[in-house]
Amino acid sequence: FATTVESLLIPVSMLLQISILYFINMLNANNVAIAFL
């Protein structure tokens, strides 16, 4: 569970959000930072 929390969940969530931002043509550094938050 520790491995899941510290290493897995954030990259999975980021990939999902980056995919959405790309398809709605809003992918930039600022929105990636928001997705990380």
PDB file of all heavy atoms in Angstrom:
ATOM      1  N   PHE A   1       0.820  -1.196   0.000  1.00  0.00           N
ATOM      2  CA  PHE A   1       0.000   0.000   0.000  1.00  0.00           C
ATOM      3  C   PHE A   1       0.863   1.260   0.000  1.00  0.00           C
ATOM      4  O   PHE A   1       0.517   2.266  -0.625  1.00  0.00           O
ATOM      5  CB  PHE A   1      -0.935   0.004   1.219  1.00  0.00           C
ATOM      6  CG  PHE A   1      -2.089  -0.945   1.111  1.00  0.00           C
ATOM      7  CD1 PHE A   1      -2.520  -1.669   2.206  1.00  0.00           C
ATOM      8  CD2 PHE A   1      -2.747  -1.127  -0.090  1.00  0.00           C
ATOM      9  CE1 PHE A   1      -3.588  -2.547   2.116  1.00  0.00           C
ATOM     10  CE2 PHE A   1      -3.820  -2.008  -0.195  1.00  0.00           C
ATOM     11  CZ  PHE A   1      -4.238  -2.714   0.907  1.00  0.00           C
ATOM     12  N   ALA A   2       1.991   1.213   0.726  1.00  0.00           N
ATOM     13  CA  ALA A   2       2.898   2.364   0.752  1.00  0.00           C
ATOM     14  C   ALA A   2       3.440   2.658  -0.645  1.00  0.00           C
ATOM     15  O   ALA A   2       3.529   3.819  -1.056  1.00  0.00           O
ATOM     16  CB  ALA A   2       4.046   2.093   1.726  1.00  0.00           C
ATOM     17  N   THR A   3       3.807   1.614  -1.361  1.00  0.00           N
ATOM     18  CA  THR A   3       4.286   1.797  -2.731  1.00  0.00           C
ATOM     19  C   THR A   3       3.205   2.411  -3.612  1.00  0.00           C
ATOM     20  O   THR A   3       3.478   3.287  -4.441  1.00  0.00           O
ATOM     21  CB  THR A   3       4.726   0.444  -3.314  1.00  0.00           C
ATOM     22  OG1 THR A   3       5.771  -0.096  -2.505  1.00  0.00           O
ATOM     23  CG2 THR A   3       5.227   0.596  -4.736  1.00  0.00           C
ATOM     24  N   THR A   4       1.975   1.969  -3.423  1.00  0.00           N
ATOM     25  CA  THR A   4       0.858   2.518  -4.200  1.00  0.00           C
ATOM     26  C   THR A   4       0.668   3.996  -3.920  1.00  0.00           C
ATOM     27  O   THR A   4       0.467   4.799  -4.838  1.00  0.00           O
ATOM     28  CB  THR A   4      -0.437   1.749  -3.864  1.00  0.00           C
ATOM     29  OG1 THR A   4      -0.243   0.365  -4.122  1.00  0.00           O
ATOM     30  CG2 THR A   4      -1.601   2.259  -4.690  1.00  0.00           C
ATOM     31  N   VAL A   5       0.769   4.374  -2.648  1.00  0.00           N
ATOM     32  CA  VAL A   5       0.538   5.760  -2.256  1.00  0.00           C
ATOM     33  C   VAL A   5       1.649   6.680  -2.751  1.00  0.00           C
ATOM     34  O   VAL A   5       1.391   7.745  -3.335  1.00  0.00           O
ATOM     35  CB  VAL A   5       0.403   5.855  -0.720  1.00  0.00           C
ATOM     36  CG1 VAL A   5       0.493   7.306  -0.251  1.00  0.00           C
ATOM     37  CG2 VAL A   5      -0.915   5.225  -0.280  1.00  0.00           C
ATOM     38  N   GLU A   6       2.892   6.275  -2.535  1.00  0.00           N
ATOM     39  CA  GLU A   6       3.995   7.188  -2.813  1.00  0.00           C
ATOM     40  C   GLU A   6       4.454   7.190  -4.265  1.00  0.00           C
ATOM     41  O   GLU A   6       5.131   8.127  -4.696  1.00  0.00           O
ATOM     42  CB  GLU A   6       5.182   6.876  -1.904  1.00  0.00           C
ATOM     43  CG  GLU A   6       5.904   5.581  -2.226  1.00  0.00           C
ATOM     44  CD  GLU A   6       7.038   5.283  -1.271  1.00  0.00           C
ATOM     45  OE1 GLU A   6       6.944   5.678  -0.093  1.00  0.00           O
ATOM     46  OE2 GLU A   6       8.006   4.647  -1.694  1.00  0.00           O
ATOM     47  N   SER A   7       4.110   6.144  -5.033  1.00  0.00           N
ATOM     48  CA  SER A   7       4.690   6.046  -6.375  1.00  0.00           C
ATOM     49  C   SER A   7       3.706   5.799  -7.502  1.00  0.00           C
ATOM     50  O   SER A   7       4.015   6.093  -8.648  1.00  0.00           O
ATOM     51  CB  SER A   7       5.739   4.916  -6.404  1.00  0.00           C
ATOM     52  OG  SER A   7       6.730   5.116  -5.436  1.00  0.00           O
ATOM     53  N   LEU A   8       2.531   5.257  -7.207  1.00  0.00           N
ATOM     54  CA  LEU A   8       1.661   4.798  -8.286  1.00  0.00           C
ATOM     55  C   LEU A   8       0.484   5.725  -8.566  1.00  0.00           C
ATOM     56  O   LEU A   8       0.180   6.011  -9.734  1.00  0.00           O
ATOM     57  CB  LEU A   8       1.140   3.392  -7.950  1.00  0.00           C
ATOM     58  CG  LEU A   8       0.285   2.690  -9.009  1.00  0.00           C
ATOM     59  CD1 LEU A   8       1.064   2.538 -10.306  1.00  0.00           C
ATOM     60  CD2 LEU A   8      -0.182   1.332  -8.509  1.00  0.00           C
ATOM     61  N   LEU A   9      -0.187   6.194  -7.531  1.00  0.00           N
ATOM     62  CA  LEU A   9      -1.442   6.918  -7.732  1.00  0.00           C
ATOM     63  C   LEU A   9      -1.254   8.246  -8.466  1.00  0.00           C
ATOM     64  O   LEU A   9      -2.050   8.593  -9.346  1.00  0.00           O
ATOM     65  CB  LEU A   9      -2.119   7.160  -6.376  1.00  0.00           C
ATOM     66  CG  LEU A   9      -2.623   5.915  -5.647  1.00  0.00           C
ATOM     67  CD1 LEU A   9      -3.275   6.306  -4.327  1.00  0.00           C
ATOM     68  CD2 LEU A   9      -3.620   5.159  -6.515  1.00  0.00           C
ATOM     69  N   ILE A  10      -0.214   8.992  -8.111  1.00  0.00           N
ATOM     70  CA  ILE A  10      -0.017  10.301  -8.743  1.00  0.00           C
ATOM     71  C   ILE A  10       0.273  10.178 -10.237  1.00  0.00           C
ATOM     72  O   ILE A  10      -0.348  10.887 -11.050  1.00  0.00           O
ATOM     73  CB  ILE A  10       1.080  11.089  -8.007  1.00  0.00           C
ATOM     74  CG1 ILE A  10       0.600  11.494  -6.611  1.00  0.00           C
ATOM     75  CG2 ILE A  10       1.475  12.347  -8.799  1.00  0.00           C
ATOM     76  CD1 ILE A  10       1.634  12.234  -5.783  1.00  0.00           C
ATOM     77  N   PRO A  11       1.192   9.303 -10.688  1.00  0.00           N
ATOM     78  CA  PRO A  11       1.407   9.180 -12.142  1.00  0.00           C
ATOM     79  C   PRO A  11       0.159   8.730 -12.901  1.00  0.00           C
ATOM     80  O   PRO A  11      -0.106   9.215 -14.013  1.00  0.00           O
ATOM     81  CB  PRO A  11       2.519   8.135 -12.240  1.00  0.00           C
ATOM     82  CG  PRO A  11       3.233   8.209 -10.953  1.00  0.00           C
ATOM     83  CD  PRO A  11       2.181   8.519  -9.938  1.00  0.00           C
ATOM     84  N   VAL A  12      -0.625   7.798 -12.327  1.00  0.00           N
ATOM     85  CA  VAL A  12      -1.844   7.342 -12.998  1.00  0.00           C
ATOM     86  C   VAL A  12      -2.824   8.498 -13.148  1.00  0.00           C
ATOM     87  O   VAL A  12      -3.404   8.727 -14.226  1.00  0.00           O
ATOM     88  CB  VAL A  12      -2.479   6.180 -12.211  1.00  0.00           C
ATOM     89  CG1 VAL A  12      -3.862   5.851 -12.758  1.00  0.00           C
ATOM     90  CG2 VAL A  12      -1.591   4.949 -12.278  1.00  0.00           C
ATOM     91  N   SER A  13      -3.029   9.243 -12.060  1.00  0.00           N
ATOM     92  CA  SER A  13      -3.929  10.395 -12.110  1.00  0.00           C
ATOM     93  C   SER A  13      -3.438  11.451 -13.098  1.00  0.00           C
ATOM     94  O   SER A  13      -4.229  12.034 -13.855  1.00  0.00           O
ATOM     95  CB  SER A  13      -4.076  11.006 -10.711  1.00  0.00           C
ATOM     96  OG  SER A  13      -4.867  12.174 -10.743  1.00  0.00           O
ATOM     97  N   MET A  14      -2.133  11.678 -13.122  1.00  0.00           N
ATOM     98  CA  MET A  14      -1.568  12.670 -14.047  1.00  0.00           C
ATOM     99  C   MET A  14      -1.784  12.259 -15.499  1.00  0.00           C
ATOM    100  O   MET A  14      -2.126  13.096 -16.351  1.00  0.00           O
ATOM    101  CB  MET A  14      -0.082  12.847 -13.759  1.00  0.00           C
ATOM    102  CG  MET A  14       0.220  13.642 -12.511  1.00  0.00           C
ATOM    103  SD  MET A  14      -0.205  15.389 -12.692  1.00  0.00           S
ATOM    104  CE  MET A  14       1.012  15.917 -13.896  1.00  0.00           C
ATOM    105  N   LEU A  15      -1.580  10.991 -15.806  1.00  0.00           N
ATOM    106  CA  LEU A  15      -1.767  10.530 -17.182  1.00  0.00           C
ATOM    107  C   LEU A  15      -3.213  10.709 -17.636  1.00  0.00           C
ATOM    108  O   LEU A  15      -3.473  11.116 -18.778  1.00  0.00           O
ATOM    109  CB  LEU A  15      -1.349   9.068 -17.305  1.00  0.00           C
ATOM    110  CG  LEU A  15       0.155   8.809 -17.412  1.00  0.00           C
ATOM    111  CD1 LEU A  15       0.443   7.316 -17.319  1.00  0.00           C
ATOM    112  CD2 LEU A  15       0.705   9.367 -18.723  1.00  0.00           C
ATOM    113  N   LEU A  16      -4.146  10.416 -16.744  1.00  0.00           N
ATOM    114  CA  LEU A  16      -5.556  10.600 -17.093  1.00  0.00           C
ATOM    115  C   LEU A  16      -5.870  12.073 -17.373  1.00  0.00           C
ATOM    116  O   LEU A  16      -6.543  12.403 -18.364  1.00  0.00           O
ATOM    117  CB  LEU A  16      -6.440  10.076 -15.961  1.00  0.00           C
ATOM    118  CG  LEU A  16      -6.445   8.556 -15.755  1.00  0.00           C
ATOM    119  CD1 LEU A  16      -7.246   8.190 -14.510  1.00  0.00           C
ATOM    120  CD2 LEU A  16      -7.012   7.847 -16.976  1.00  0.00           C
ATOM    121  N   GLN A  17      -5.371  12.949 -16.513  1.00  0.00           N
ATOM    122  CA  GLN A  17      -5.664  14.369 -16.688  1.00  0.00           C
ATOM    123  C   GLN A  17      -4.941  14.958 -17.903  1.00  0.00           C
ATOM    124  O   GLN A  17      -5.492  15.807 -18.610  1.00  0.00           O
ATOM    125  CB  GLN A  17      -5.272  15.132 -15.426  1.00  0.00           C
ATOM    126  CG  GLN A  17      -6.125  14.782 -14.215  1.00  0.00           C
ATOM    127  CD  GLN A  17      -5.753  15.594 -12.994  1.00  0.00           C
ATOM    128  OE1 GLN A  17      -6.107  16.762 -12.884  1.00  0.00           O
ATOM    129  NE2 GLN A  17      -5.024  14.980 -12.069  1.00  0.00           N
ATOM    130  N   ILE A  18      -3.712  14.522 -18.152  1.00  0.00           N
ATOM    131  CA  ILE A  18      -2.977  15.003 -19.326  1.00  0.00           C
ATOM    132  C   ILE A  18      -3.692  14.578 -20.606  1.00  0.00           C
ATOM    133  O   ILE A  18      -3.775  15.349 -21.578  1.00  0.00           O
ATOM    134  CB  ILE A  18      -1.530  14.484 -19.292  1.00  0.00           C
ATOM    135  CG1 ILE A  18      -0.740  15.197 -18.197  1.00  0.00           C
ATOM    136  CG2 ILE A  18      -0.843  14.713 -20.639  1.00  0.00           C
ATOM    137  CD1 ILE A  18       0.653  14.633 -17.977  1.00  0.00           C
ATOM    138  N   SER A  19      -4.225  13.355 -20.611  1.00  0.00           N
ATOM    139  CA  SER A  19      -4.974  12.889 -21.789  1.00  0.00           C
ATOM    140  C   SER A  19      -6.194  13.763 -22.035  1.00  0.00           C
ATOM    141  O   SER A  19      -6.483  14.139 -23.180  1.00  0.00           O
ATOM    142  CB  SER A  19      -5.403  11.433 -21.591  1.00  0.00           C
ATOM    143  OG  SER A  19      -4.285  10.593 -21.402  1.00  0.00           O
ATOM    144  N   ILE A  20      -6.905  14.096 -20.972  1.00  0.00           N
ATOM    145  CA  ILE A  20      -8.087  14.963 -21.119  1.00  0.00           C
ATOM    146  C   ILE A  20      -7.682  16.341 -21.616  1.00  0.00           C
ATOM    147  O   ILE A  20      -8.316  16.902 -22.540  1.00  0.00           O
ATOM    148  CB  ILE A  20      -8.836  15.057 -19.780  1.00  0.00           C
ATOM    149  CG1 ILE A  20      -9.407  13.692 -19.386  1.00  0.00           C
ATOM    150  CG2 ILE A  20      -9.966  16.090 -19.860  1.00  0.00           C
ATOM    151  CD1 ILE A  20     -10.003  13.649 -18.000  1.00  0.00           C
ATOM    152  N   LEU A  21      -6.629  16.914 -21.035  1.00  0.00           N
ATOM    153  CA  LEU A  21      -6.165  18.241 -21.461  1.00  0.00           C
ATOM    154  C   LEU A  21      -5.725  18.239 -22.910  1.00  0.00           C
ATOM    155  O   LEU A  21      -5.941  19.231 -23.640  1.00  0.00           O
ATOM    156  CB  LEU A  21      -5.006  18.688 -20.554  1.00  0.00           C
ATOM    157  CG  LEU A  21      -5.364  19.016 -19.106  1.00  0.00           C
ATOM    158  CD1 LEU A  21      -4.095  19.260 -18.287  1.00  0.00           C
ATOM    159  CD2 LEU A  21      -6.273  20.247 -19.034  1.00  0.00           C
ATOM    160  N   TYR A  22      -5.123  17.150 -23.351  1.00  0.00           N
ATOM    161  CA  TYR A  22      -4.668  17.075 -24.739  1.00  0.00           C
ATOM    162  C   TYR A  22      -5.840  17.047 -25.709  1.00  0.00           C
ATOM    163  O   TYR A  22      -5.840  17.757 -26.738  1.00  0.00           O
ATOM    164  CB  TYR A  22      -3.800  15.836 -24.922  1.00  0.00           C
ATOM    165  CG  TYR A  22      -3.347  15.611 -26.343  1.00  0.00           C
ATOM    166  CD1 TYR A  22      -2.344  16.389 -26.908  1.00  0.00           C
ATOM    167  CD2 TYR A  22      -3.939  14.622 -27.121  1.00  0.00           C
ATOM    168  CE1 TYR A  22      -1.932  16.188 -28.219  1.00  0.00           C
ATOM    169  CE2 TYR A  22      -3.537  14.409 -28.437  1.00  0.00           C
ATOM    170  CZ  TYR A  22      -2.528  15.195 -28.974  1.00  0.00           C
ATOM    171  OH  TYR A  22      -2.137  14.991 -30.271  1.00  0.00           O
ATOM    172  N   PHE A  23      -6.857  16.264 -25.387  1.00  0.00           N
ATOM    173  CA  PHE A  23      -7.991  16.122 -26.308  1.00  0.00           C
ATOM    174  C   PHE A  23      -8.867  17.370 -26.338  1.00  0.00           C
ATOM    175  O   PHE A  23      -9.545  17.619 -27.338  1.00  0.00           O
ATOM    176  CB  PHE A  23      -8.823  14.895 -25.933  1.00  0.00           C
ATOM    177  CG  PHE A  23      -8.186  13.603 -26.348  1.00  0.00           C
ATOM    178  CD1 PHE A  23      -7.746  12.690 -25.407  1.00  0.00           C
ATOM    179  CD2 PHE A  23      -8.008  13.298 -27.700  1.00  0.00           C
ATOM    180  CE1 PHE A  23      -7.147  11.501 -25.796  1.00  0.00           C
ATOM    181  CE2 PHE A  23      -7.421  12.108 -28.096  1.00  0.00           C
ATOM    182  CZ  PHE A  23      -6.982  11.206 -27.141  1.00  0.00           C
ATOM    183  N   ILE A  24      -8.867  18.163 -25.262  1.00  0.00           N
ATOM    184  CA  ILE A  24      -9.645  19.411 -25.292  1.00  0.00           C
ATOM    185  C   ILE A  24      -8.763  20.599 -25.647  1.00  0.00           C
ATOM    186  O   ILE A  24      -9.176  21.753 -25.522  1.00  0.00           O
ATOM    187  CB  ILE A  24     -10.344  19.653 -23.937  1.00  0.00           C
ATOM    188  CG1 ILE A  24      -9.324  19.856 -22.810  1.00  0.00           C
ATOM    189  CG2 ILE A  24     -11.295  18.525 -23.605  1.00  0.00           C
ATOM    190  CD1 ILE A  24      -9.950  20.179 -21.456  1.00  0.00           C
ATOM    191  N   ASN A  25      -7.515  20.293 -26.092  1.00  0.00           N
ATOM    192  CA  ASN A  25      -6.583  21.318 -26.579  1.00  0.00           C
ATOM    193  C   ASN A  25      -6.261  22.373 -25.512  1.00  0.00           C
ATOM    194  O   ASN A  25      -6.213  23.575 -25.800  1.00  0.00           O
ATOM    195  CB  ASN A  25      -7.159  22.001 -27.827  1.00  0.00           C
ATOM    196  CG  ASN A  25      -6.076  22.693 -28.642  1.00  0.00           C
ATOM    197  OD1 ASN A  25      -4.895  22.320 -28.585  1.00  0.00           O
ATOM    198  ND2 ASN A  25      -6.451  23.719 -29.388  1.00  0.00           N
ATOM    199  N   MET A  26      -6.031  21.936 -24.281  1.00  0.00           N
ATOM    200  CA  MET A  26      -5.675  22.848 -23.196  1.00  0.00           C
ATOM    201  C   MET A  26      -4.396  22.409 -22.487  1.00  0.00           C
ATOM    202  O   MET A  26      -4.154  22.764 -21.338  1.00  0.00           O
ATOM    203  CB  MET A  26      -6.822  22.939 -22.174  1.00  0.00           C
ATOM    204  CG  MET A  26      -8.084  23.586 -22.687  1.00  0.00           C
ATOM    205  SD  MET A  26      -9.375  23.707 -21.418  1.00  0.00           S
ATOM    206  CE  MET A  26      -8.572  24.751 -20.200  1.00  0.00           C
ATOM    207  N   LEU A  27      -3.570  21.636 -23.181  1.00  0.00           N
ATOM    208  CA  LEU A  27      -2.351  21.116 -22.563  1.00  0.00           C
ATOM    209  C   LEU A  27      -1.238  22.145 -22.619  1.00  0.00           C
ATOM    210  O   LEU A  27      -0.781  22.539 -23.699  1.00  0.00           O
ATOM    211  CB  LEU A  27      -1.909  19.828 -23.270  1.00  0.00           C
ATOM    212  CG  LEU A  27      -0.716  19.105 -22.649  1.00  0.00           C
ATOM    213  CD1 LEU A  27      -1.036  18.641 -21.234  1.00  0.00           C
ATOM    214  CD2 LEU A  27      -0.299  17.919 -23.506  1.00  0.00           C
ATOM    215  N   ASN A  28      -0.823  22.621 -21.460  1.00  0.00           N
ATOM    216  CA  ASN A  28       0.328  23.511 -21.325  1.00  0.00           C
ATOM    217  C   ASN A  28       0.925  23.319 -19.939  1.00  0.00           C
ATOM    218  O   ASN A  28       0.383  22.581 -19.109  1.00  0.00           O
ATOM    219  CB  ASN A  28      -0.065  24.979 -21.569  1.00  0.00           C
ATOM    220  CG  ASN A  28      -1.221  25.426 -20.705  1.00  0.00           C
ATOM    221  OD1 ASN A  28      -1.199  25.254 -19.479  1.00  0.00           O
ATOM    222  ND2 ASN A  28      -2.265  25.972 -21.325  1.00  0.00           N
ATOM    223  N   ALA A  29       2.060  23.962 -19.690  1.00  0.00           N
ATOM    224  CA  ALA A  29       2.772  23.777 -18.423  1.00  0.00           C
ATOM    225  C   ALA A  29       1.926  24.198 -17.230  1.00  0.00           C
ATOM    226  O   ALA A  29       1.934  23.542 -16.177  1.00  0.00           O
ATOM    227  CB  ALA A  29       4.086  24.550 -18.449  1.00  0.00           C
ATOM    228  N   ASN A  30       1.162  25.276 -17.382  1.00  0.00           N
ATOM    229  CA  ASN A  30       0.352  25.767 -16.283  1.00  0.00           C
ATOM    230  C   ASN A  30      -0.737  24.767 -15.900  1.00  0.00           C
ATOM    231  O   ASN A  30      -0.950  24.463 -14.712  1.00  0.00           O
ATOM    232  CB  ASN A  30      -0.276  27.103 -16.675  1.00  0.00           C
ATOM    233  CG  ASN A  30      -1.010  27.763 -15.525  1.00  0.00           C
ATOM    234  OD1 ASN A  30      -0.457  27.914 -14.441  1.00  0.00           O
ATOM    235  ND2 ASN A  30      -2.253  28.134 -15.751  1.00  0.00           N
ATOM    236  N   ASN A  31      -1.433  24.211 -16.891  1.00  0.00           N
ATOM    237  CA  ASN A  31      -2.492  23.245 -16.609  1.00  0.00           C
ATOM    238  C   ASN A  31      -1.942  21.913 -16.092  1.00  0.00           C
ATOM    239  O   ASN A  31      -2.610  21.219 -15.318  1.00  0.00           O
ATOM    240  CB  ASN A  31      -3.339  23.019 -17.860  1.00  0.00           C
ATOM    241  CG  ASN A  31      -4.224  24.214 -18.186  1.00  0.00           C
ATOM    242  OD1 ASN A  31      -4.555  24.998 -17.305  1.00  0.00           O
ATOM    243  ND2 ASN A  31      -4.598  24.357 -19.447  1.00  0.00           N
ATOM    244  N   VAL A  32      -0.734  21.545 -16.514  1.00  0.00           N
ATOM    245  CA  VAL A  32      -0.102  20.346 -15.973  1.00  0.00           C
ATOM    246  C   VAL A  32       0.190  20.530 -14.482  1.00  0.00           C
ATOM    247  O   VAL A  32       0.034  19.601 -13.683  1.00  0.00           O
ATOM    248  CB  VAL A  32       1.184  20.011 -16.755  1.00  0.00           C
ATOM    249  CG1 VAL A  32       1.993  18.927 -16.042  1.00  0.00           C
ATOM    250  CG2 VAL A  32       0.839  19.543 -18.161  1.00  0.00           C
ATOM    251  N   ALA A  33       0.608  21.734 -14.095  1.00  0.00           N
ATOM    252  CA  ALA A  33       0.845  22.019 -12.678  1.00  0.00           C
ATOM    253  C   ALA A  33      -0.448  21.932 -11.873  1.00  0.00           C
ATOM    254  O   ALA A  33      -0.459  21.425 -10.743  1.00  0.00           O
ATOM    255  CB  ALA A  33       1.475  23.405 -12.519  1.00  0.00           C
ATOM    256  N   ILE A  34      -1.557  22.405 -12.453  1.00  0.00           N
ATOM    257  CA  ILE A  34      -2.854  22.290 -11.781  1.00  0.00           C
ATOM    258  C   ILE A  34      -3.245  20.819 -11.636  1.00  0.00           C
ATOM    259  O   ILE A  34      -3.748  20.383 -10.586  1.00  0.00           O
ATOM    260  CB  ILE A  34      -3.938  23.060 -12.563  1.00  0.00           C
ATOM    261  CG1 ILE A  34      -3.612  24.563 -12.577  1.00  0.00           C
ATOM    262  CG2 ILE A  34      -5.317  22.830 -11.963  1.00  0.00           C
ATOM    263  CD1 ILE A  34      -4.546  25.387 -13.438  1.00  0.00           C
ATOM    264  N   ALA A  35      -2.997  20.048 -12.686  1.00  0.00           N
ATOM    265  CA  ALA A  35      -3.299  18.617 -12.635  1.00  0.00           C
ATOM    266  C   ALA A  35      -2.488  17.921 -11.542  1.00  0.00           C
ATOM    267  O   ALA A  35      -2.987  17.004 -10.870  1.00  0.00           O
ATOM    268  CB  ALA A  35      -3.018  17.981 -13.994  1.00  0.00           C
ATOM    269  N   PHE A  36      -1.258  18.361 -11.346  1.00  0.00           N
ATOM    270  CA  PHE A  36      -0.433  17.766 -10.297  1.00  0.00           C
ATOM    271  C   PHE A  36      -1.000  18.076  -8.915  1.00  0.00           C
ATOM    272  O   PHE A  36      -1.009  17.207  -8.029  1.00  0.00           O
ATOM    273  CB  PHE A  36       1.000  18.283 -10.409  1.00  0.00           C
ATOM    274  CG  PHE A  36       1.955  17.649  -9.447  1.00  0.00           C
ATOM    275  CD1 PHE A  36       2.440  16.371  -9.665  1.00  0.00           C
ATOM    276  CD2 PHE A  36       2.371  18.325  -8.303  1.00  0.00           C
ATOM    277  CE1 PHE A  36       3.314  15.770  -8.775  1.00  0.00           C
ATOM    278  CE2 PHE A  36       3.242  17.742  -7.404  1.00  0.00           C
ATOM    279  CZ  PHE A  36       3.718  16.462  -7.644  1.00  0.00           C
ATOM    280  N   LEU A  37      -1.483  19.279  -8.715  1.00  0.00           N
ATOM    281  CA  LEU A  37      -2.109  19.644  -7.443  1.00  0.00           C
ATOM    282  C   LEU A  37      -3.339  18.777  -7.171  1.00  0.00           C
ATOM    283  O   LEU A  37      -3.540  18.279  -6.047  1.00  0.00           O
ATOM    284  CB  LEU A  37      -2.489  21.126  -7.459  1.00  0.00           C
ATOM    285  CG  LEU A  37      -3.300  21.653  -6.261  1.00  0.00           C
ATOM    286  CD1 LEU A  37      -2.545  21.453  -4.955  1.00  0.00           C
ATOM    287  CD2 LEU A  37      -3.654  23.121  -6.467  1.00  0.00           C
TER     288      LEU A  37
END
